[in-house]
């Protein structure tokens, strides 16, 4: 009988061998085999062994957290501030101009809604209606990544407090962003005023302007501090929240409160007061300058003191106690 005619050994055994007292191999997640008593290697385990030999194993971590730990948020804030401080001046200036232009659409929304609610003779209804539309420009500005002074009032302070950046670099950032925002806000005010026949909200613009200038200096300053506080707190909440739709909700909530309270935001307010100045001679350059300077100062105090310094101080103190 030739070799080709030799009977081949059968692989079918009607009686499976007993596994009692035998050691078999189990595939671990890292691709290695572990011995266990009384078990055989499943088909799935065999398939995973072949996959691990063919592909590079990776570990995927699922993140279920809806809010980051304060320590992680602070580190993100420091890194975000450093990125802004180290950003090229031209890029920073252009982004700031874009931010001022975009936020101006909040002024447009407020003017139109004010115009629509004036005949109702209900100041509180007007305030509520304008608060609903006030966040529009801020949402577009922040989500698009444009630079806004009140957003970076606090963010840029963190690396200075952490001694990773110099104070003069913070002043440089603020100076560029403020100038760019004011230029953008003035430009959008001029464009919107030029389209007044289309917008048809002159009465709303004048009413909006009176809200900005007919206050004592102390009242305007405190109102601006509150607005800066809320905006900087909104920036902190955005950093504390994973990237998803909830960021839009946070921005909306913060700016809605600013609109509801009638607080004064320096950049959006600049667009508003410039629209009023371009529309009526009742508003002078002196009125505009007075508002802008007080609003900038108040927003700076609110964001830097009530958010940046307080957040940095209590989180760093907690870390030192834990260490």
C-alpha atoms as a PDB file:
ATOM      1  CA  UNK A   1       0.000   0.000   0.000  1.00  0.00           C
ATOM      2  CA  UNK A   2       1.425   3.359  -1.029  1.00  0.00           C
ATOM      3  CA  UNK A   3       1.756   6.408   1.166  1.00  0.00           C
ATOM      4  CA  UNK A   4      -1.196   8.018  -0.596  1.00  0.00           C
ATOM      5  CA  UNK A   5      -3.298   4.994   0.260  1.00  0.00           C
ATOM      6  CA  UNK A   6      -2.337   5.024   3.908  1.00  0.00           C
ATOM      7  CA  UNK A   7      -5.427   5.663   6.111  1.00  0.00           C
ATOM      8  CA  UNK A   8      -5.366   9.123   7.620  1.00  0.00           C
ATOM      9  CA  UNK A   9      -5.871   9.461  11.377  1.00  0.00           C
ATOM     10  CA  UNK A  10      -9.377  10.566  12.178  1.00  0.00           C
ATOM     11  CA  UNK A  11      -9.949  13.786  14.064  1.00  0.00           C
ATOM     12  CA  UNK A  12     -13.509  13.033  15.064  1.00  0.00           C
ATOM     13  CA  UNK A  13     -13.830  11.510  18.471  1.00  0.00           C
ATOM     14  CA  UNK A  14     -17.392  10.696  19.446  1.00  0.00           C
ATOM     15  CA  UNK A  15     -16.425  10.745  23.093  1.00  0.00           C
ATOM     16  CA  UNK A  16     -14.869  14.058  24.112  1.00  0.00           C
ATOM     17  CA  UNK A  17     -11.884  13.723  26.367  1.00  0.00           C
ATOM     18  CA  UNK A  18     -12.456  14.443  29.996  1.00  0.00           C
ATOM     19  CA  UNK A  19     -11.300  17.869  31.108  1.00  0.00           C
ATOM     20  CA  UNK A  20     -11.257  16.913  34.748  1.00  0.00           C
ATOM     21  CA  UNK A  21      -7.935  17.623  36.335  1.00  0.00           C
ATOM     22  CA  UNK A  22      -6.470  19.125  33.179  1.00  0.00           C
ATOM     23  CA  UNK A  23      -5.075  22.588  32.703  1.00  0.00           C
ATOM     24  CA  UNK A  24      -6.249  24.702  29.771  1.00  0.00           C
ATOM     25  CA  UNK A  25      -5.238  28.099  28.470  1.00  0.00           C
ATOM     26  CA  UNK A  26      -7.434  31.229  28.818  1.00  0.00           C
ATOM     27  CA  UNK A  27      -6.688  34.343  26.777  1.00  0.00           C
ATOM     28  CA  UNK A  28      -6.235  37.502  28.836  1.00  0.00           C
ATOM     29  CA  UNK A  29      -7.082  41.003  27.531  1.00  0.00           C
ATOM     30  CA  UNK A  30      -3.380  41.689  26.956  1.00  0.00           C
ATOM     31  CA  UNK A  31      -3.109  38.714  24.578  1.00  0.00           C
ATOM     32  CA  UNK A  32      -1.339  36.393  27.003  1.00  0.00           C
ATOM     33  CA  UNK A  33      -2.677  33.039  28.098  1.00  0.00           C
ATOM     34  CA  UNK A  34      -3.518  32.124  31.647  1.00  0.00           C
ATOM     35  CA  UNK A  35      -4.026  28.625  32.993  1.00  0.00           C
ATOM     36  CA  UNK A  36      -7.241  27.739  34.729  1.00  0.00           C
ATOM     37  CA  UNK A  37      -8.643  24.471  35.953  1.00  0.00           C
ATOM     38  CA  UNK A  38     -11.497  22.622  34.320  1.00  0.00           C
ATOM     39  CA  UNK A  39     -12.198  24.951  31.398  1.00  0.00           C
ATOM     40  CA  UNK A  40     -11.500  24.783  27.673  1.00  0.00           C
ATOM     41  CA  UNK A  41     -10.654  27.660  25.372  1.00  0.00           C
ATOM     42  CA  UNK A  42     -13.787  29.001  23.681  1.00  0.00           C
ATOM     43  CA  UNK A  43     -14.068  29.808  19.984  1.00  0.00           C
ATOM     44  CA  UNK A  44     -14.284  33.516  20.828  1.00  0.00           C
ATOM     45  CA  UNK A  45     -11.083  33.286  22.839  1.00  0.00           C
ATOM     46  CA  UNK A  46      -9.355  31.595  19.925  1.00  0.00           C
ATOM     47  CA  UNK A  47     -10.554  34.332  17.564  1.00  0.00           C
ATOM     48  CA  UNK A  48      -9.290  37.028  19.915  1.00  0.00           C
ATOM     49  CA  UNK A  49      -5.913  35.298  20.047  1.00  0.00           C
ATOM     50  CA  UNK A  50      -5.657  35.437  16.268  1.00  0.00           C
ATOM     51  CA  UNK A  51      -6.781  39.114  16.279  1.00  0.00           C
ATOM     52  CA  UNK A  52      -4.164  40.062  18.854  1.00  0.00           C
ATOM     53  CA  UNK A  53      -1.474  38.442  16.718  1.00  0.00           C
ATOM     54  CA  UNK A  54      -2.644  40.386  13.652  1.00  0.00           C
ATOM     55  CA  UNK A  55      -3.542  43.799  15.119  1.00  0.00           C
ATOM     56  CA  UNK A  56      -1.981  46.038  17.736  1.00  0.00           C
ATOM     57  CA  UNK A  57      -4.062  45.910  20.926  1.00  0.00           C
ATOM     58  CA  UNK A  58      -5.399  49.272  22.113  1.00  0.00           C
ATOM     59  CA  UNK A  59      -7.214  50.372  25.233  1.00  0.00           C
ATOM     60  CA  UNK A  60     -10.288  52.537  24.823  1.00  0.00           C
ATOM     61  CA  UNK A  61     -11.481  54.473  27.838  1.00  0.00           C
ATOM     62  CA  UNK A  62     -15.089  55.589  27.955  1.00  0.00           C
ATOM     63  CA  UNK A  63     -15.652  58.977  29.564  1.00  0.00           C
ATOM     64  CA  UNK A  64     -19.008  59.223  31.301  1.00  0.00           C
ATOM     65  CA  UNK A  65     -18.266  62.436  33.192  1.00  0.00           C
ATOM     66  CA  UNK A  66     -20.536  65.359  32.404  1.00  0.00           C
ATOM     67  CA  UNK A  67     -18.457  67.819  34.427  1.00  0.00           C
ATOM     68  CA  UNK A  68     -14.681  67.763  34.856  1.00  0.00           C
ATOM     69  CA  UNK A  69     -12.971  67.841  38.230  1.00  0.00           C
ATOM     70  CA  UNK A  70     -11.982  71.390  39.304  1.00  0.00           C
ATOM     71  CA  UNK A  71      -8.292  70.417  39.221  1.00  0.00           C
ATOM     72  CA  UNK A  72      -8.601  69.337  35.590  1.00  0.00           C
ATOM     73  CA  UNK A  73     -10.569  72.461  34.704  1.00  0.00           C
ATOM     74  CA  UNK A  74      -7.895  74.678  36.239  1.00  0.00           C
ATOM     75  CA  UNK A  75      -5.156  72.938  34.262  1.00  0.00           C
ATOM     76  CA  UNK A  76      -7.188  73.375  31.074  1.00  0.00           C
ATOM     77  CA  UNK A  77      -7.716  77.042  31.905  1.00  0.00           C
ATOM     78  CA  UNK A  78      -3.976  77.551  32.433  1.00  0.00           C
ATOM     79  CA  UNK A  79      -3.144  75.867  29.116  1.00  0.00           C
ATOM     80  CA  UNK A  80      -5.866  77.827  27.327  1.00  0.00           C
ATOM     81  CA  UNK A  81      -4.503  81.064  28.761  1.00  0.00           C
ATOM     82  CA  UNK A  82      -0.952  80.191  27.725  1.00  0.00           C
ATOM     83  CA  UNK A  83      -2.080  79.431  24.175  1.00  0.00           C
ATOM     84  CA  UNK A  84      -3.751  82.827  23.917  1.00  0.00           C
ATOM     85  CA  UNK A  85      -0.786  84.685  25.420  1.00  0.00           C
ATOM     86  CA  UNK A  86       1.654  82.993  23.007  1.00  0.00           C
ATOM     87  CA  UNK A  87      -0.581  83.531  19.975  1.00  0.00           C
ATOM     88  CA  UNK A  88       0.892  85.765  17.218  1.00  0.00           C
ATOM     89  CA  UNK A  89      -0.195  89.393  17.459  1.00  0.00           C
ATOM     90  CA  UNK A  90      -1.637  89.609  13.944  1.00  0.00           C
ATOM     91  CA  UNK A  91      -3.720  86.470  14.442  1.00  0.00           C
ATOM     92  CA  UNK A  92      -4.916  87.760  17.806  1.00  0.00           C
ATOM     93  CA  UNK A  93      -5.852  91.162  16.382  1.00  0.00           C
ATOM     94  CA  UNK A  94      -7.796  89.770  13.426  1.00  0.00           C
ATOM     95  CA  UNK A  95      -9.652  87.310  15.635  1.00  0.00           C
ATOM     96  CA  UNK A  96     -10.506  90.129  18.056  1.00  0.00           C
ATOM     97  CA  UNK A  97     -11.921  92.298  15.277  1.00  0.00           C
ATOM     98  CA  UNK A  98     -14.024  89.340  14.166  1.00  0.00           C
ATOM     99  CA  UNK A  99     -15.255  88.889  17.744  1.00  0.00           C
ATOM    100  CA  UNK A 100     -16.370  92.515  17.974  1.00  0.00           C
ATOM    101  CA  UNK A 101     -18.173  92.257  14.652  1.00  0.00           C
ATOM    102  CA  UNK A 102     -20.021  89.082  15.613  1.00  0.00           C
ATOM    103  CA  UNK A 103     -21.090  90.260  19.072  1.00  0.00           C
ATOM    104  CA  UNK A 104     -22.609  93.315  17.396  1.00  0.00           C
ATOM    105  CA  UNK A 105     -25.440  91.108  16.193  1.00  0.00           C
ATOM    106  CA  UNK A 106     -26.583  90.834  19.804  1.00  0.00           C
ATOM    107  CA  UNK A 107     -27.037  94.610  19.693  1.00  0.00           C
ATOM    108  CA  UNK A 108     -29.062  94.222  16.512  1.00  0.00           C
ATOM    109  CA  UNK A 109     -31.295  91.578  18.094  1.00  0.00           C
ATOM    110  CA  UNK A 110     -31.860  93.710  21.190  1.00  0.00           C
ATOM    111  CA  UNK A 111     -32.719  96.795  19.110  1.00  0.00           C
ATOM    112  CA  UNK A 112     -35.266  94.943  16.963  1.00  0.00           C
ATOM    113  CA  UNK A 113     -36.972  93.257  19.919  1.00  0.00           C
ATOM    114  CA  UNK A 114     -37.043  96.556  21.845  1.00  0.00           C
ATOM    115  CA  UNK A 115     -38.642  98.234  18.839  1.00  0.00           C
ATOM    116  CA  UNK A 116     -41.291  95.509  18.689  1.00  0.00           C
ATOM    117  CA  UNK A 117     -42.185  95.712  22.390  1.00  0.00           C
ATOM    118  CA  UNK A 118     -42.219  99.517  22.861  1.00  0.00           C
ATOM    119  CA  UNK A 119     -45.929  99.789  21.886  1.00  0.00           C
ATOM    120  CA  UNK A 120     -46.807  97.385  24.707  1.00  0.00           C
ATOM    121  CA  UNK A 121     -45.625  99.943  27.314  1.00  0.00           C
ATOM    122  CA  UNK A 122     -44.255  97.193  29.553  1.00  0.00           C
ATOM    123  CA  UNK A 123     -40.592  97.733  30.508  1.00  0.00           C
ATOM    124  CA  UNK A 124     -40.335  94.341  32.211  1.00  0.00           C
ATOM    125  CA  UNK A 125     -41.725  92.546  29.175  1.00  0.00           C
ATOM    126  CA  UNK A 126     -39.209  94.393  26.999  1.00  0.00           C
ATOM    127  CA  UNK A 127     -36.359  93.370  29.292  1.00  0.00           C
ATOM    128  CA  UNK A 128     -37.446  89.729  29.270  1.00  0.00           C
ATOM    129  CA  UNK A 129     -37.839  89.684  25.483  1.00  0.00           C
ATOM    130  CA  UNK A 130     -34.428  91.274  24.898  1.00  0.00           C
ATOM    131  CA  UNK A 131     -32.806  88.836  27.353  1.00  0.00           C
ATOM    132  CA  UNK A 132     -34.076  85.946  25.230  1.00  0.00           C
ATOM    133  CA  UNK A 133     -32.280  87.191  22.076  1.00  0.00           C
ATOM    134  CA  UNK A 134     -29.262  88.846  23.721  1.00  0.00           C
ATOM    135  CA  UNK A 135     -27.132  85.636  23.777  1.00  0.00           C
ATOM    136  CA  UNK A 136     -27.272  85.165  19.972  1.00  0.00           C
ATOM    137  CA  UNK A 137     -24.082  87.056  19.099  1.00  0.00           C
ATOM    138  CA  UNK A 138     -22.155  85.637  22.060  1.00  0.00           C
ATOM    139  CA  UNK A 139     -22.974  82.048  21.153  1.00  0.00           C
ATOM    140  CA  UNK A 140     -21.831  82.540  17.556  1.00  0.00           C
ATOM    141  CA  UNK A 141     -18.689  84.383  18.675  1.00  0.00           C
ATOM    142  CA  UNK A 142     -17.519  81.875  21.294  1.00  0.00           C
ATOM    143  CA  UNK A 143     -18.380  78.735  19.338  1.00  0.00           C
ATOM    144  CA  UNK A 144     -16.608  80.133  16.248  1.00  0.00           C
ATOM    145  CA  UNK A 145     -13.437  80.673  18.298  1.00  0.00           C
ATOM    146  CA  UNK A 146     -13.250  84.457  17.844  1.00  0.00           C
ATOM    147  CA  UNK A 147     -11.536  86.442  20.586  1.00  0.00           C
ATOM    148  CA  UNK A 148     -13.749  88.254  23.091  1.00  0.00           C
ATOM    149  CA  UNK A 149     -12.264  90.390  25.859  1.00  0.00           C
ATOM    150  CA  UNK A 150     -14.667  89.369  28.614  1.00  0.00           C
ATOM    151  CA  UNK A 151     -14.128  85.688  27.827  1.00  0.00           C
ATOM    152  CA  UNK A 152     -10.341  85.997  28.209  1.00  0.00           C
ATOM    153  CA  UNK A 153     -10.419  88.437  31.128  1.00  0.00           C
ATOM    154  CA  UNK A 154     -10.145  85.501  33.500  1.00  0.00           C
ATOM    155  CA  UNK A 155      -8.644  82.806  31.257  1.00  0.00           C
ATOM    156  CA  UNK A 156      -5.454  84.754  30.587  1.00  0.00           C
ATOM    157  CA  UNK A 157      -5.011  85.479  34.301  1.00  0.00           C
ATOM    158  CA  UNK A 158      -4.572  81.823  35.318  1.00  0.00           C
ATOM    159  CA  UNK A 159      -1.077  81.284  33.823  1.00  0.00           C
ATOM    160  CA  UNK A 160       0.057  84.568  35.416  1.00  0.00           C
ATOM    161  CA  UNK A 161      -1.193  83.446  38.819  1.00  0.00           C
ATOM    162  CA  UNK A 162       0.544  80.095  38.234  1.00  0.00           C
ATOM    163  CA  UNK A 163       3.810  81.928  37.384  1.00  0.00           C
ATOM    164  CA  UNK A 164       3.946  80.433  33.901  1.00  0.00           C
ATOM    165  CA  UNK A 165       3.538  83.817  32.207  1.00  0.00           C
ATOM    166  CA  UNK A 166       4.549  87.397  32.935  1.00  0.00           C
ATOM    167  CA  UNK A 167       2.104  90.133  33.866  1.00  0.00           C
ATOM    168  CA  UNK A 168       3.185  92.274  30.922  1.00  0.00           C
ATOM    169  CA  UNK A 169       2.184  89.473  28.539  1.00  0.00           C
ATOM    170  CA  UNK A 170      -1.303  89.550  30.078  1.00  0.00           C
ATOM    171  CA  UNK A 171      -1.490  93.309  29.508  1.00  0.00           C
ATOM    172  CA  UNK A 172      -0.337  92.806  25.919  1.00  0.00           C
ATOM    173  CA  UNK A 173      -3.087  90.250  25.320  1.00  0.00           C
ATOM    174  CA  UNK A 174      -5.747  92.454  26.902  1.00  0.00           C
ATOM    175  CA  UNK A 175      -4.612  95.491  24.926  1.00  0.00           C
ATOM    176  CA  UNK A 176      -4.758  93.711  21.562  1.00  0.00           C
ATOM    177  CA  UNK A 177      -8.094  92.019  22.256  1.00  0.00           C
ATOM    178  CA  UNK A 178      -9.736  95.183  23.614  1.00  0.00           C
ATOM    179  CA  UNK A 179      -8.591  97.277  20.664  1.00  0.00           C
ATOM    180  CA  UNK A 180      -9.668  94.647  18.149  1.00  0.00           C
ATOM    181  CA  UNK A 181     -13.058  94.145  19.831  1.00  0.00           C
ATOM    182  CA  UNK A 182     -13.748  97.890  19.926  1.00  0.00           C
ATOM    183  CA  UNK A 183     -12.814  98.275  16.258  1.00  0.00           C
ATOM    184  CA  UNK A 184     -15.065  95.378  15.289  1.00  0.00           C
ATOM    185  CA  UNK A 185     -17.963  96.652  17.428  1.00  0.00           C
ATOM    186  CA  UNK A 186     -17.687 100.151  15.934  1.00  0.00           C
ATOM    187  CA  UNK A 187     -17.585  98.761  12.391  1.00  0.00           C
ATOM    188  CA  UNK A 188     -20.678  96.599  12.862  1.00  0.00           C
ATOM    189  CA  UNK A 189     -22.487  99.550  14.445  1.00  0.00           C
ATOM    190  CA  UNK A 190     -21.699 101.678  11.389  1.00  0.00           C
ATOM    191  CA  UNK A 191     -22.853  98.933   9.016  1.00  0.00           C
ATOM    192  CA  UNK A 192     -26.101  98.311  10.900  1.00  0.00           C
ATOM    193  CA  UNK A 193     -26.836 102.025  11.098  1.00  0.00           C
ATOM    194  CA  UNK A 194     -26.245 102.363   7.363  1.00  0.00           C
ATOM    195  CA  UNK A 195     -28.885  99.672   6.876  1.00  0.00           C
ATOM    196  CA  UNK A 196     -31.386 101.411   9.174  1.00  0.00           C
ATOM    197  CA  UNK A 197     -33.995 101.584   6.415  1.00  0.00           C
ATOM    198  CA  UNK A 198     -33.861  97.787   6.272  1.00  0.00           C
ATOM    199  CA  UNK A 199     -33.599  97.133  10.008  1.00  0.00           C
ATOM    200  CA  UNK A 200     -36.261  99.728  10.913  1.00  0.00           C
ATOM    201  CA  UNK A 201     -35.416  99.803  14.602  1.00  0.00           C
ATOM    202  CA  UNK A 202     -34.365 103.408  15.239  1.00  0.00           C
ATOM    203  CA  UNK A 203     -36.626 103.799  18.261  1.00  0.00           C
ATOM    204  CA  UNK A 204     -35.257 100.563  19.684  1.00  0.00           C
ATOM    205  CA  UNK A 205     -31.690 101.780  19.115  1.00  0.00           C
ATOM    206  CA  UNK A 206     -32.383 105.059  20.952  1.00  0.00           C
ATOM    207  CA  UNK A 207     -34.045 103.244  23.835  1.00  0.00           C
ATOM    208  CA  UNK A 208     -31.054 100.901  23.983  1.00  0.00           C
ATOM    209  CA  UNK A 209     -28.672 103.864  24.027  1.00  0.00           C
ATOM    210  CA  UNK A 210     -30.461 105.533  26.938  1.00  0.00           C
ATOM    211  CA  UNK A 211     -30.013 102.347  28.958  1.00  0.00           C
ATOM    212  CA  UNK A 212     -26.261 102.661  28.504  1.00  0.00           C
ATOM    213  CA  UNK A 213     -25.632 106.305  29.406  1.00  0.00           C
ATOM    214  CA  UNK A 214     -28.356 107.381  31.841  1.00  0.00           C
ATOM    215  CA  UNK A 215     -26.711 105.952  34.959  1.00  0.00           C
ATOM    216  CA  UNK A 216     -24.336 107.285  37.579  1.00  0.00           C
ATOM    217  CA  UNK A 217     -20.716 106.234  37.261  1.00  0.00           C
ATOM    218  CA  UNK A 218     -20.848 103.996  40.323  1.00  0.00           C
ATOM    219  CA  UNK A 219     -23.999 102.271  39.076  1.00  0.00           C
ATOM    220  CA  UNK A 220     -22.519 101.694  35.632  1.00  0.00           C
ATOM    221  CA  UNK A 221     -19.274 100.365  37.117  1.00  0.00           C
ATOM    222  CA  UNK A 222     -21.024  97.884  39.431  1.00  0.00           C
ATOM    223  CA  UNK A 223     -23.286  96.724  36.604  1.00  0.00           C
ATOM    224  CA  UNK A 224     -20.208  96.126  34.434  1.00  0.00           C
ATOM    225  CA  UNK A 225     -18.488  94.210  37.243  1.00  0.00           C
ATOM    226  CA  UNK A 226     -21.474  91.867  37.416  1.00  0.00           C
ATOM    227  CA  UNK A 227     -21.492  91.396  33.638  1.00  0.00           C
ATOM    228  CA  UNK A 228     -17.751  90.652  33.591  1.00  0.00           C
ATOM    229  CA  UNK A 229     -18.163  88.227  36.473  1.00  0.00           C
ATOM    230  CA  UNK A 230     -20.882  86.307  34.636  1.00  0.00           C
ATOM    231  CA  UNK A 231     -19.006  86.204  31.338  1.00  0.00           C
ATOM    232  CA  UNK A 232     -15.795  84.940  32.951  1.00  0.00           C
ATOM    233  CA  UNK A 233     -17.786  82.375  34.922  1.00  0.00           C
ATOM    234  CA  UNK A 234     -19.335  81.258  31.644  1.00  0.00           C
ATOM    235  CA  UNK A 235     -15.860  80.757  30.173  1.00  0.00           C
ATOM    236  CA  UNK A 236     -14.935  78.634  33.210  1.00  0.00           C
ATOM    237  CA  UNK A 237     -18.061  76.511  32.816  1.00  0.00           C
ATOM    238  CA  UNK A 238     -17.279  75.943  29.138  1.00  0.00           C
ATOM    239  CA  UNK A 239     -13.838  74.616  30.111  1.00  0.00           C
ATOM    240  CA  UNK A 240     -15.425  72.422  32.796  1.00  0.00           C
ATOM    241  CA  UNK A 241     -17.846  70.808  30.358  1.00  0.00           C
ATOM    242  CA  UNK A 242     -16.932  68.157  27.755  1.00  0.00           C
ATOM    243  CA  UNK A 243     -17.380  69.258  24.121  1.00  0.00           C
ATOM    244  CA  UNK A 244     -21.037  68.886  23.238  1.00  0.00           C
ATOM    245  CA  UNK A 245     -24.253  70.848  22.922  1.00  0.00           C
ATOM    246  CA  UNK A 246     -24.223  71.696  26.636  1.00  0.00           C
ATOM    247  CA  UNK A 247     -21.637  74.430  25.954  1.00  0.00           C
ATOM    248  CA  UNK A 248     -24.199  76.340  23.906  1.00  0.00           C
ATOM    249  CA  UNK A 249     -26.670  76.026  26.772  1.00  0.00           C
ATOM    250  CA  UNK A 250     -24.119  77.346  29.281  1.00  0.00           C
ATOM    251  CA  UNK A 251     -23.279  80.358  27.129  1.00  0.00           C
ATOM    252  CA  UNK A 252     -26.970  81.048  26.648  1.00  0.00           C
ATOM    253  CA  UNK A 253     -27.731  80.847  30.369  1.00  0.00           C
ATOM    254  CA  UNK A 254     -24.936  83.230  31.353  1.00  0.00           C
ATOM    255  CA  UNK A 255     -25.657  85.849  28.695  1.00  0.00           C
ATOM    256  CA  UNK A 256     -29.407  85.526  29.282  1.00  0.00           C
ATOM    257  CA  UNK A 257     -28.836  86.542  32.908  1.00  0.00           C
ATOM    258  CA  UNK A 258     -26.765  89.517  31.741  1.00  0.00           C
ATOM    259  CA  UNK A 259     -29.580  90.619  29.453  1.00  0.00           C
ATOM    260  CA  UNK A 260     -32.270  89.947  32.037  1.00  0.00           C
ATOM    261  CA  UNK A 261     -30.450  91.977  34.665  1.00  0.00           C
ATOM    262  CA  UNK A 262     -29.716  94.776  32.220  1.00  0.00           C
ATOM    263  CA  UNK A 263     -26.016  94.522  33.068  1.00  0.00           C
ATOM    264  CA  UNK A 264     -23.499  96.277  30.863  1.00  0.00           C
ATOM    265  CA  UNK A 265     -21.131  94.315  28.639  1.00  0.00           C
ATOM    266  CA  UNK A 266     -18.271  96.384  27.295  1.00  0.00           C
ATOM    267  CA  UNK A 267     -18.050  95.014  23.739  1.00  0.00           C
ATOM    268  CA  UNK A 268     -21.727  94.431  22.984  1.00  0.00           C
ATOM    269  CA  UNK A 269     -22.413  97.750  24.717  1.00  0.00           C
ATOM    270  CA  UNK A 270     -19.909  99.484  22.454  1.00  0.00           C
ATOM    271  CA  UNK A 271     -21.845  98.319  19.417  1.00  0.00           C
ATOM    272  CA  UNK A 272     -25.079  99.484  21.053  1.00  0.00           C
ATOM    273  CA  UNK A 273     -23.858 102.937  22.067  1.00  0.00           C
ATOM    274  CA  UNK A 274     -22.176 103.517  18.693  1.00  0.00           C
ATOM    275  CA  UNK A 275     -25.421 102.635  16.923  1.00  0.00           C
ATOM    276  CA  UNK A 276     -27.213 105.180  19.119  1.00  0.00           C
ATOM    277  CA  UNK A 277     -24.527 107.807  18.493  1.00  0.00           C
ATOM    278  CA  UNK A 278     -24.702 107.278  14.728  1.00  0.00           C
ATOM    279  CA  UNK A 279     -28.508 107.462  14.842  1.00  0.00           C
ATOM    280  CA  UNK A 280     -29.085 110.513  17.034  1.00  0.00           C
ATOM    281  CA  UNK A 281     -27.210 113.644  18.107  1.00  0.00           C
ATOM    282  CA  UNK A 282     -28.500 113.074  21.639  1.00  0.00           C
ATOM    283  CA  UNK A 283     -25.558 110.717  22.178  1.00  0.00           C
ATOM    284  CA  UNK A 284     -22.133 112.346  22.040  1.00  0.00           C
ATOM    285  CA  UNK A 285     -18.621 110.979  21.715  1.00  0.00           C
ATOM    286  CA  UNK A 286     -18.110 111.910  25.359  1.00  0.00           C
ATOM    287  CA  UNK A 287     -21.064 109.700  26.365  1.00  0.00           C
ATOM    288  CA  UNK A 288     -19.657 106.841  24.335  1.00  0.00           C
ATOM    289  CA  UNK A 289     -16.149 107.174  25.754  1.00  0.00           C
ATOM    290  CA  UNK A 290     -17.448 107.364  29.322  1.00  0.00           C
ATOM    291  CA  UNK A 291     -19.491 104.198  28.892  1.00  0.00           C
ATOM    292  CA  UNK A 292     -16.748 102.199  27.162  1.00  0.00           C
ATOM    293  CA  UNK A 293     -14.078 103.017  29.745  1.00  0.00           C
ATOM    294  CA  UNK A 294     -16.296 102.264  32.751  1.00  0.00           C
ATOM    295  CA  UNK A 295     -17.654  99.076  31.180  1.00  0.00           C
ATOM    296  CA  UNK A 296     -14.164  97.815  30.326  1.00  0.00           C
ATOM    297  CA  UNK A 297     -12.922  98.516  33.842  1.00  0.00           C
ATOM    298  CA  UNK A 298     -15.930  96.848  35.434  1.00  0.00           C
ATOM    299  CA  UNK A 299     -15.773  93.777  33.191  1.00  0.00           C
ATOM    300  CA  UNK A 300     -12.055  93.457  33.934  1.00  0.00           C
ATOM    301  CA  UNK A 301     -12.601  93.594  37.688  1.00  0.00           C
ATOM    302  CA  UNK A 302     -15.515  91.177  37.592  1.00  0.00           C
ATOM    303  CA  UNK A 303     -13.719  88.578  35.505  1.00  0.00           C
ATOM    304  CA  UNK A 304     -10.286  88.825  37.115  1.00  0.00           C
ATOM    305  CA  UNK A 305     -11.224  89.110  40.782  1.00  0.00           C
ATOM    306  CA  UNK A 306     -14.493  87.228  41.174  1.00  0.00           C
ATOM    307  CA  UNK A 307     -13.610  84.361  38.842  1.00  0.00           C
ATOM    308  CA  UNK A 308      -9.890  84.024  38.087  1.00  0.00           C
ATOM    309  CA  UNK A 309      -8.398  84.836  41.489  1.00  0.00           C
ATOM    310  CA  UNK A 310     -11.124  83.086  43.499  1.00  0.00           C
ATOM    311  CA  UNK A 311     -11.123  79.917  41.358  1.00  0.00           C
ATOM    312  CA  UNK A 312      -7.342  79.694  41.221  1.00  0.00           C
ATOM    313  CA  UNK A 313      -6.988  80.383  44.948  1.00  0.00           C
ATOM    314  CA  UNK A 314      -9.452  77.824  46.262  1.00  0.00           C
ATOM    315  CA  UNK A 315      -8.372  75.043  43.867  1.00  0.00           C
ATOM    316  CA  UNK A 316      -4.644  75.508  44.461  1.00  0.00           C
ATOM    317  CA  UNK A 317      -5.253  75.627  48.213  1.00  0.00           C
ATOM    318  CA  UNK A 318      -7.182  72.363  48.008  1.00  0.00           C
ATOM    319  CA  UNK A 319      -4.335  70.759  46.044  1.00  0.00           C
ATOM    320  CA  UNK A 320      -1.749  71.856  48.612  1.00  0.00           C
ATOM    321  CA  UNK A 321      -3.830  70.407  51.472  1.00  0.00           C
ATOM    322  CA  UNK A 322      -4.183  67.073  49.617  1.00  0.00           C
ATOM    323  CA  UNK A 323      -0.432  66.969  48.943  1.00  0.00           C
END
